[in-house]
Amino acid sequence: MRFVQDIPHPLFRIGLYAWNGKYILKIDAGPYEQTYKVSDTDVIEETDILTMLDEPFLQRIAERFRDMDADWQATIERHELN
């Protein structure tokens, strides 16, 4: 996997990679990660990926991270591991 670039964001660590005919977008927040794979035939150039990172998309990313954390905390509580 080839590192392409870090994408600055105040809440997330966003990295863009290229591998096997795909761009891989990794978004990290604390212990959680979301990964999106985009075929290189679906975009004309790498900057198209940056355009796709608009505010509505990033808001949904933040919501999904909150949901992931809620799910994790709930399973910890169910199993009395807290």
PDB file of N, CA and C in Angstrom:
ATOM      1  N   MET A   1       0.850  -1.161   0.000  1.00  0.00           N
ATOM      2  CA  MET A   1       0.000   0.000   0.000  1.00  0.00           C
ATOM      3  C   MET A   1       0.902   1.233   0.000  1.00  0.00           C
ATOM      4  N   ARG A   2       0.595   2.165  -0.878  1.00  0.00           N
ATOM      5  CA  ARG A   2       1.400   3.385  -1.018  1.00  0.00           C
ATOM      6  C   ARG A   2       0.681   4.558  -0.354  1.00  0.00           C
ATOM      7  N   PHE A   3       1.374   5.204   0.565  1.00  0.00           N
ATOM      8  CA  PHE A   3       0.835   6.400   1.198  1.00  0.00           C
ATOM      9  C   PHE A   3       0.803   7.528   0.176  1.00  0.00           C
ATOM     10  N   VAL A   4      -0.340   8.207   0.069  1.00  0.00           N
ATOM     11  CA  VAL A   4      -0.461   9.322  -0.869  1.00  0.00           C
ATOM     12  C   VAL A   4      -0.354  10.648  -0.123  1.00  0.00           C
ATOM     13  N   GLN A   5      -1.206  10.827   0.911  1.00  0.00           N
ATOM     14  CA  GLN A   5      -1.136  12.070   1.664  1.00  0.00           C
ATOM     15  C   GLN A   5      -2.013  12.016   2.909  1.00  0.00           C
ATOM     16  N   ASP A   6      -1.658  12.868   3.874  1.00  0.00           N
ATOM     17  CA  ASP A   6      -2.526  13.139   5.008  1.00  0.00           C
ATOM     18  C   ASP A   6      -3.437  14.281   4.608  1.00  0.00           C
ATOM     19  N   ILE A   7      -4.673  14.211   5.074  1.00  0.00           N
ATOM     20  CA  ILE A   7      -5.645  15.260   4.794  1.00  0.00           C
ATOM     21  C   ILE A   7      -5.988  15.918   6.124  1.00  0.00           C
ATOM     22  N   PRO A   8      -5.648  17.185   6.285  1.00  0.00           N
ATOM     23  CA  PRO A   8      -5.867  17.848   7.573  1.00  0.00           C
ATOM     24  C   PRO A   8      -7.351  17.944   7.928  1.00  0.00           C
ATOM     25  N   HIS A   9      -7.643  17.688   9.189  1.00  0.00           N
ATOM     26  CA  HIS A   9      -8.996  17.837   9.717  1.00  0.00           C
ATOM     27  C   HIS A   9      -8.884  18.034  11.221  1.00  0.00           C
ATOM     28  N   PRO A  10      -9.714  18.910  11.806  1.00  0.00           N
ATOM     29  CA  PRO A  10      -9.580  19.181  13.249  1.00  0.00           C
ATOM     30  C   PRO A  10     -10.018  18.035  14.156  1.00  0.00           C
ATOM     31  N   LEU A  11     -10.889  17.141  13.683  1.00  0.00           N
ATOM     32  CA  LEU A  11     -11.405  16.069  14.537  1.00  0.00           C
ATOM     33  C   LEU A  11     -10.841  14.688  14.218  1.00  0.00           C
ATOM     34  N   PHE A  12     -10.489  14.453  12.990  1.00  0.00           N
ATOM     35  CA  PHE A  12     -10.084  13.120  12.541  1.00  0.00           C
ATOM     36  C   PHE A  12      -8.669  13.131  11.986  1.00  0.00           C
ATOM     37  N   ARG A  13      -8.082  11.956  11.973  1.00  0.00           N
ATOM     38  CA  ARG A  13      -6.841  11.748  11.218  1.00  0.00           C
ATOM     39  C   ARG A  13      -7.274  11.073   9.918  1.00  0.00           C
ATOM     40  N   ILE A  14      -7.024  11.726   8.813  1.00  0.00           N
ATOM     41  CA  ILE A  14      -7.461  11.206   7.516  1.00  0.00           C
ATOM     42  C   ILE A  14      -6.228  10.940   6.666  1.00  0.00           C
ATOM     43  N   GLY A  15      -6.117   9.711   6.179  1.00  0.00           N
ATOM     44  CA  GLY A  15      -5.005   9.343   5.314  1.00  0.00           C
ATOM     45  C   GLY A  15      -5.513   8.777   4.002  1.00  0.00           C
ATOM     46  N   LEU A  16      -4.862   9.137   2.924  1.00  0.00           N
ATOM     47  CA  LEU A  16      -5.201   8.623   1.605  1.00  0.00           C
ATOM     48  C   LEU A  16      -4.069   7.726   1.138  1.00  0.00           C
ATOM     49  N   TYR A  17      -4.429   6.535   0.689  1.00  0.00           N
ATOM     50  CA  TYR A  17      -3.471   5.538   0.232  1.00  0.00           C
ATOM     51  C   TYR A  17      -3.895   5.040  -1.147  1.00  0.00           C
ATOM     52  N   ALA A  18      -2.982   4.458  -1.869  1.00  0.00           N
ATOM     53  CA  ALA A  18      -3.280   3.824  -3.151  1.00  0.00           C
ATOM     54  C   ALA A  18      -2.811   2.381  -3.067  1.00  0.00           C
ATOM     55  N   TRP A  19      -3.659   1.476  -3.549  1.00  0.00           N
ATOM     56  CA  TRP A  19      -3.292   0.060  -3.506  1.00  0.00           C
ATOM     57  C   TRP A  19      -4.180  -0.733  -4.445  1.00  0.00           C
ATOM     58  N   ASN A  20      -3.573  -1.523  -5.280  1.00  0.00           N
ATOM     59  CA  ASN A  20      -4.274  -2.507  -6.097  1.00  0.00           C
ATOM     60  C   ASN A  20      -5.427  -1.902  -6.899  1.00  0.00           C
ATOM     61  N   GLY A  21      -5.186  -0.775  -7.548  1.00  0.00           N
ATOM     62  CA  GLY A  21      -6.206  -0.158  -8.386  1.00  0.00           C
ATOM     63  C   GLY A  21      -7.296   0.574  -7.615  1.00  0.00           C
ATOM     64  N   LYS A  22      -7.030   0.870  -6.345  1.00  0.00           N
ATOM     65  CA  LYS A  22      -8.008   1.564  -5.521  1.00  0.00           C
ATOM     66  C   LYS A  22      -7.322   2.655  -4.718  1.00  0.00           C
ATOM     67  N   TYR A  23      -8.110   3.676  -4.393  1.00  0.00           N
ATOM     68  CA  TYR A  23      -7.703   4.626  -3.378  1.00  0.00           C
ATOM     69  C   TYR A  23      -8.355   4.167  -2.085  1.00  0.00           C
ATOM     70  N   ILE A  24      -7.616   4.205  -1.018  1.00  0.00           N
ATOM     71  CA  ILE A  24      -8.127   3.808   0.291  1.00  0.00           C
ATOM     72  C   ILE A  24      -8.074   5.029   1.191  1.00  0.00           C
ATOM     73  N   LEU A  25      -9.232   5.397   1.686  1.00  0.00           N
ATOM     74  CA  LEU A  25      -9.365   6.540   2.568  1.00  0.00           C
ATOM     75  C   LEU A  25      -9.573   6.009   3.975  1.00  0.00           C
ATOM     76  N   LYS A  26      -8.620   6.290   4.873  1.00  0.00           N
ATOM     77  CA  LYS A  26      -8.710   5.828   6.262  1.00  0.00           C
ATOM     78  C   LYS A  26      -8.959   7.033   7.148  1.00  0.00           C
ATOM     79  N   ILE A  27     -10.022   6.936   7.944  1.00  0.00           N
ATOM     80  CA  ILE A  27     -10.395   8.019   8.838  1.00  0.00           C
ATOM     81  C   ILE A  27     -10.384   7.465  10.252  1.00  0.00           C
ATOM     82  N   ASP A  28      -9.539   8.036  11.104  1.00  0.00           N
ATOM     83  CA  ASP A  28      -9.379   7.569  12.486  1.00  0.00           C
ATOM     84  C   ASP A  28      -9.890   8.619  13.455  1.00  0.00           C
ATOM     85  N   ALA A  29     -10.514   8.128  14.523  1.00  0.00           N
ATOM     86  CA  ALA A  29     -10.900   8.978  15.650  1.00  0.00           C
ATOM     87  C   ALA A  29     -10.718   8.126  16.898  1.00  0.00           C
ATOM     88  N   GLY A  30      -9.684   8.423  17.667  1.00  0.00           N
ATOM     89  CA  GLY A  30      -9.411   7.618  18.856  1.00  0.00           C
ATOM     90  C   GLY A  30      -9.179   6.171  18.475  1.00  0.00           C
ATOM     91  N   PRO A  31      -9.882   5.242  19.138  1.00  0.00           N
ATOM     92  CA  PRO A  31      -9.662   3.826  18.858  1.00  0.00           C
ATOM     93  C   PRO A  31     -10.452   3.299  17.661  1.00  0.00           C
ATOM     94  N   TYR A  32     -11.170   4.172  16.970  1.00  0.00           N
ATOM     95  CA  TYR A  32     -12.054   3.725  15.888  1.00  0.00           C
ATOM     96  C   TYR A  32     -11.530   4.166  14.528  1.00  0.00           C
ATOM     97  N   GLU A  33     -11.859   3.371  13.510  1.00  0.00           N
ATOM     98  CA  GLU A  33     -11.420   3.663  12.151  1.00  0.00           C
ATOM     99  C   GLU A  33     -12.531   3.341  11.177  1.00  0.00           C
ATOM    100  N   GLN A  34     -12.679   4.203  10.193  1.00  0.00           N
ATOM    101  CA  GLN A  34     -13.563   3.934   9.069  1.00  0.00           C
ATOM    102  C   GLN A  34     -12.702   3.934   7.813  1.00  0.00           C
ATOM    103  N   THR A  35     -12.957   2.978   6.933  1.00  0.00           N
ATOM    104  CA  THR A  35     -12.176   2.846   5.714  1.00  0.00           C
ATOM    105  C   THR A  35     -13.102   2.807   4.513  1.00  0.00           C
ATOM    106  N   TYR A  36     -12.753   3.574   3.513  1.00  0.00           N
ATOM    107  CA  TYR A  36     -13.508   3.612   2.268  1.00  0.00           C
ATOM    108  C   TYR A  36     -12.563   3.266   1.128  1.00  0.00           C
ATOM    109  N   LYS A  37     -13.001   2.371   0.261  1.00  0.00           N
ATOM    110  CA  LYS A  37     -12.209   1.984  -0.901  1.00  0.00           C
ATOM    111  C   LYS A  37     -12.903   2.516  -2.144  1.00  0.00           C
ATOM    112  N   VAL A  38     -12.147   3.253  -2.951  1.00  0.00           N
ATOM    113  CA  VAL A  38     -12.676   3.878  -4.152  1.00  0.00           C
ATOM    114  C   VAL A  38     -11.862   3.383  -5.337  1.00  0.00           C
ATOM    115  N   SER A  39     -12.522   2.781  -6.295  1.00  0.00           N
ATOM    116  CA  SER A  39     -11.816   2.318  -7.480  1.00  0.00           C
ATOM    117  C   SER A  39     -11.204   3.506  -8.205  1.00  0.00           C
ATOM    118  N   ASP A  40      -9.978   3.326  -8.686  1.00  0.00           N
ATOM    119  CA  ASP A  40      -9.340   4.442  -9.387  1.00  0.00           C
ATOM    120  C   ASP A  40     -10.041   4.754 -10.703  1.00  0.00           C
ATOM    121  N   THR A  41     -10.932   3.879 -11.167  1.00  0.00           N
ATOM    122  CA  THR A  41     -11.723   4.169 -12.365  1.00  0.00           C
ATOM    123  C   THR A  41     -12.941   5.030 -12.051  1.00  0.00           C
ATOM    124  N   ASP A  42     -13.268   5.204 -10.755  1.00  0.00           N
ATOM    125  CA  ASP A  42     -14.410   6.029 -10.354  1.00  0.00           C
ATOM    126  C   ASP A  42     -14.042   7.493 -10.166  1.00  0.00           C
ATOM    127  N   VAL A  43     -12.759   7.800 -10.179  1.00  0.00           N
ATOM    128  CA  VAL A  43     -12.299   9.185 -10.046  1.00  0.00           C
ATOM    129  C   VAL A  43     -11.313   9.484 -11.165  1.00  0.00           C
ATOM    130  N   ILE A  44     -11.250  10.752 -11.540  1.00  0.00           N
ATOM    131  CA  ILE A  44     -10.327  11.132 -12.614  1.00  0.00           C
ATOM    132  C   ILE A  44      -8.927  11.341 -12.062  1.00  0.00           C
ATOM    133  N   GLU A  45      -8.853  11.973 -10.879  1.00  0.00           N
ATOM    134  CA  GLU A  45      -7.552  12.204 -10.259  1.00  0.00           C
ATOM    135  C   GLU A  45      -7.712  12.195  -8.740  1.00  0.00           C
ATOM    136  N   GLU A  46      -6.594  12.163  -8.057  1.00  0.00           N
ATOM    137  CA  GLU A  46      -6.608  12.079  -6.591  1.00  0.00           C
ATOM    138  C   GLU A  46      -7.370  13.217  -5.938  1.00  0.00           C
ATOM    139  N   THR A  47      -7.329  14.390  -6.519  1.00  0.00           N
ATOM    140  CA  THR A  47      -8.012  15.534  -5.921  1.00  0.00           C
ATOM    141  C   THR A  47      -9.533  15.347  -5.892  1.00  0.00           C
ATOM    142  N   ASP A  48     -10.066  14.469  -6.736  1.00  0.00           N
ATOM    143  CA  ASP A  48     -11.501  14.177  -6.687  1.00  0.00           C
ATOM    144  C   ASP A  48     -11.883  13.590  -5.327  1.00  0.00           C
ATOM    145  N   ILE A  49     -10.987  12.819  -4.739  1.00  0.00           N
ATOM    146  CA  ILE A  49     -11.246  12.252  -3.415  1.00  0.00           C
ATOM    147  C   ILE A  49     -11.411  13.379  -2.394  1.00  0.00           C
ATOM    148  N   LEU A  50     -10.566  14.398  -2.482  1.00  0.00           N
ATOM    149  CA  LEU A  50     -10.644  15.525  -1.558  1.00  0.00           C
ATOM    150  C   LEU A  50     -11.976  16.258  -1.710  1.00  0.00           C
ATOM    151  N   THR A  51     -12.450  16.396  -2.924  1.00  0.00           N
ATOM    152  CA  THR A  51     -13.728  17.055  -3.183  1.00  0.00           C
ATOM    153  C   THR A  51     -14.872  16.287  -2.526  1.00  0.00           C
ATOM    154  N   MET A  52     -14.760  14.982  -2.500  1.00  0.00           N
ATOM    155  CA  MET A  52     -15.818  14.142  -1.920  1.00  0.00           C
ATOM    156  C   MET A  52     -15.906  14.287  -0.403  1.00  0.00           C
ATOM    157  N   LEU A  53     -14.861  14.794   0.222  1.00  0.00           N
ATOM    158  CA  LEU A  53     -14.847  14.970   1.676  1.00  0.00           C
ATOM    159  C   LEU A  53     -15.537  16.281   2.064  1.00  0.00           C
ATOM    160  N   ASP A  54     -16.785  16.421   1.639  1.00  0.00           N
ATOM    161  CA  ASP A  54     -17.522  17.644   1.939  1.00  0.00           C
ATOM    162  C   ASP A  54     -18.135  17.580   3.339  1.00  0.00           C
ATOM    163  N   GLU A  55     -18.713  18.684   3.778  1.00  0.00           N
ATOM    164  CA  GLU A  55     -19.231  18.790   5.140  1.00  0.00           C
ATOM    165  C   GLU A  55     -20.330  17.762   5.453  1.00  0.00           C
ATOM    166  N   PRO A  56     -21.310  17.531   4.560  1.00  0.00           N
ATOM    167  CA  PRO A  56     -22.319  16.511   4.883  1.00  0.00           C
ATOM    168  C   PRO A  56     -21.702  15.110   5.081  1.00  0.00           C
ATOM    169  N   PHE A  57     -20.734  14.766   4.246  1.00  0.00           N
ATOM    170  CA  PHE A  57     -20.080  13.459   4.388  1.00  0.00           C
ATOM    171  C   PHE A  57     -19.343  13.373   5.717  1.00  0.00           C
ATOM    172  N   LEU A  58     -18.581  14.412   6.050  1.00  0.00           N
ATOM    173  CA  LEU A  58     -17.810  14.391   7.295  1.00  0.00           C
ATOM    174  C   LEU A  58     -18.712  14.432   8.530  1.00  0.00           C
ATOM    175  N   GLN A  59     -19.872  15.065   8.430  1.00  0.00           N
ATOM    176  CA  GLN A  59     -20.830  15.028   9.543  1.00  0.00           C
ATOM    177  C   GLN A  59     -21.334  13.610   9.777  1.00  0.00           C
ATOM    178  N   ARG A  60     -21.606  12.879   8.703  1.00  0.00           N
ATOM    179  CA  ARG A  60     -22.044  11.485   8.833  1.00  0.00           C
ATOM    180  C   ARG A  60     -20.922  10.624   9.410  1.00  0.00           C
ATOM    181  N   ILE A  61     -19.688  10.917   9.030  1.00  0.00           N
ATOM    182  CA  ILE A  61     -18.534  10.207   9.600  1.00  0.00           C
ATOM    183  C   ILE A  61     -18.524  10.404  11.113  1.00  0.00           C
ATOM    184  N   ALA A  62     -18.697  11.649  11.560  1.00  0.00           N
ATOM    185  CA  ALA A  62     -18.696  11.945  12.994  1.00  0.00           C
ATOM    186  C   ALA A  62     -19.836  11.209  13.700  1.00  0.00           C
ATOM    187  N   GLU A  63     -21.018  11.191  13.089  1.00  0.00           N
ATOM    188  CA  GLU A  63     -22.154  10.466  13.680  1.00  0.00           C
ATOM    189  C   GLU A  63     -21.854   8.977  13.799  1.00  0.00           C
ATOM    190  N   ARG A  64     -21.243   8.430  12.765  1.00  0.00           N
ATOM    191  CA  ARG A  64     -20.921   7.004  12.771  1.00  0.00           C
ATOM    192  C   ARG A  64     -19.899   6.680  13.867  1.00  0.00           C
ATOM    193  N   PHE A  65     -18.920   7.569  14.073  1.00  0.00           N
ATOM    194  CA  PHE A  65     -17.962   7.362  15.161  1.00  0.00           C
ATOM    195  C   PHE A  65     -18.672   7.394  16.512  1.00  0.00           C
ATOM    196  N   ARG A  66     -19.624   8.312  16.685  1.00  0.00           N
ATOM    197  CA  ARG A  66     -20.382   8.346  17.940  1.00  0.00           C
ATOM    198  C   ARG A  66     -21.165   7.056  18.130  1.00  0.00           C
ATOM    199  N   ASP A  67     -21.777   6.553  17.048  1.00  0.00           N
ATOM    200  CA  ASP A  67     -22.510   5.288  17.121  1.00  0.00           C
ATOM    201  C   ASP A  67     -21.570   4.128  17.454  1.00  0.00           C
ATOM    202  N   MET A  68     -20.395   4.114  16.853  1.00  0.00           N
ATOM    203  CA  MET A  68     -19.423   3.058  17.131  1.00  0.00           C
ATOM    204  C   MET A  68     -19.044   3.073  18.608  1.00  0.00           C
ATOM    205  N   ASP A  69     -18.811   4.271  19.142  1.00  0.00           N
ATOM    206  CA  ASP A  69     -18.438   4.377  20.546  1.00  0.00           C
ATOM    207  C   ASP A  69     -19.592   3.928  21.443  1.00  0.00           C
ATOM    208  N   ALA A  70     -20.816   4.319  21.114  1.00  0.00           N
ATOM    209  CA  ALA A  70     -21.977   3.910  21.914  1.00  0.00           C
ATOM    210  C   ALA A  70     -22.128   2.392  21.899  1.00  0.00           C
ATOM    211  N   ASP A  71     -21.952   1.775  20.742  1.00  0.00           N
ATOM    212  CA  ASP A  71     -22.033   0.305  20.643  1.00  0.00           C
ATOM    213  C   ASP A  71     -20.965  -0.353  21.501  1.00  0.00           C
ATOM    214  N   TRP A  72     -19.752   0.184  21.451  1.00  0.00           N
ATOM    215  CA  TRP A  72     -18.647  -0.393  22.219  1.00  0.00           C
ATOM    216  C   TRP A  72     -18.897  -0.266  23.715  1.00  0.00           C
ATOM    217  N   GLN A  73     -19.324   0.927  24.141  1.00  0.00           N
ATOM    218  CA  GLN A  73     -19.606   1.136  25.559  1.00  0.00           C
ATOM    219  C   GLN A  73     -20.745   0.236  26.032  1.00  0.00           C
ATOM    220  N   ALA A  74     -21.752   0.038  25.203  1.00  0.00           N
ATOM    221  CA  ALA A  74     -22.882  -0.815  25.567  1.00  0.00           C
ATOM    222  C   ALA A  74     -22.443  -2.268  25.762  1.00  0.00           C
ATOM    223  N   THR A  75     -21.579  -2.769  24.900  1.00  0.00           N
ATOM    224  CA  THR A  75     -21.137  -4.155  25.061  1.00  0.00           C
ATOM    225  C   THR A  75     -20.249  -4.307  26.292  1.00  0.00           C
ATOM    226  N   ILE A  76     -19.454  -3.286  26.598  1.00  0.00           N
ATOM    227  CA  ILE A  76     -18.646  -3.327  27.816  1.00  0.00           C
ATOM    228  C   ILE A  76     -19.558  -3.408  29.034  1.00  0.00           C
ATOM    229  N   GLU A  77     -20.598  -2.585  29.045  1.00  0.00           N
ATOM    230  CA  GLU A  77     -21.526  -2.586  30.176  1.00  0.00           C
ATOM    231  C   GLU A  77     -22.301  -3.901  30.280  1.00  0.00           C
ATOM    232  N   ARG A  78     -22.739  -4.450  29.143  1.00  0.00           N
ATOM    233  CA  ARG A  78     -23.475  -5.721  29.150  1.00  0.00           C
ATOM    234  C   ARG A  78     -22.652  -6.835  29.766  1.00  0.00           C
ATOM    235  N   HIS A  79     -21.368  -6.781  29.537  1.00  0.00           N
ATOM    236  CA  HIS A  79     -20.491  -7.845  30.033  1.00  0.00           C
ATOM    237  C   HIS A  79     -19.767  -7.455  31.317  1.00  0.00           C
ATOM    238  N   GLU A  80     -20.240  -6.344  31.886  1.00  0.00           N
ATOM    239  CA  GLU A  80     -19.732  -5.863  33.182  1.00  0.00           C
ATOM    240  C   GLU A  80     -18.210  -5.774  33.198  1.00  0.00           C
ATOM    241  N   LEU A  81     -17.663  -5.209  32.148  1.00  0.00           N
ATOM    242  CA  LEU A  81     -16.198  -5.071  32.044  1.00  0.00           C
ATOM    243  C   LEU A  81     -15.744  -3.661  32.387  1.00  0.00           C
ATOM    244  N   ASN A  82     -16.655  -2.853  32.842  1.00  0.00           N
ATOM    245  CA  ASN A  82     -16.314  -1.466  33.140  1.00  0.00           C
ATOM    246  C   ASN A  82     -16.097  -1.238  34.608  1.00  0.00           C
TER     247      ASN A  82
END
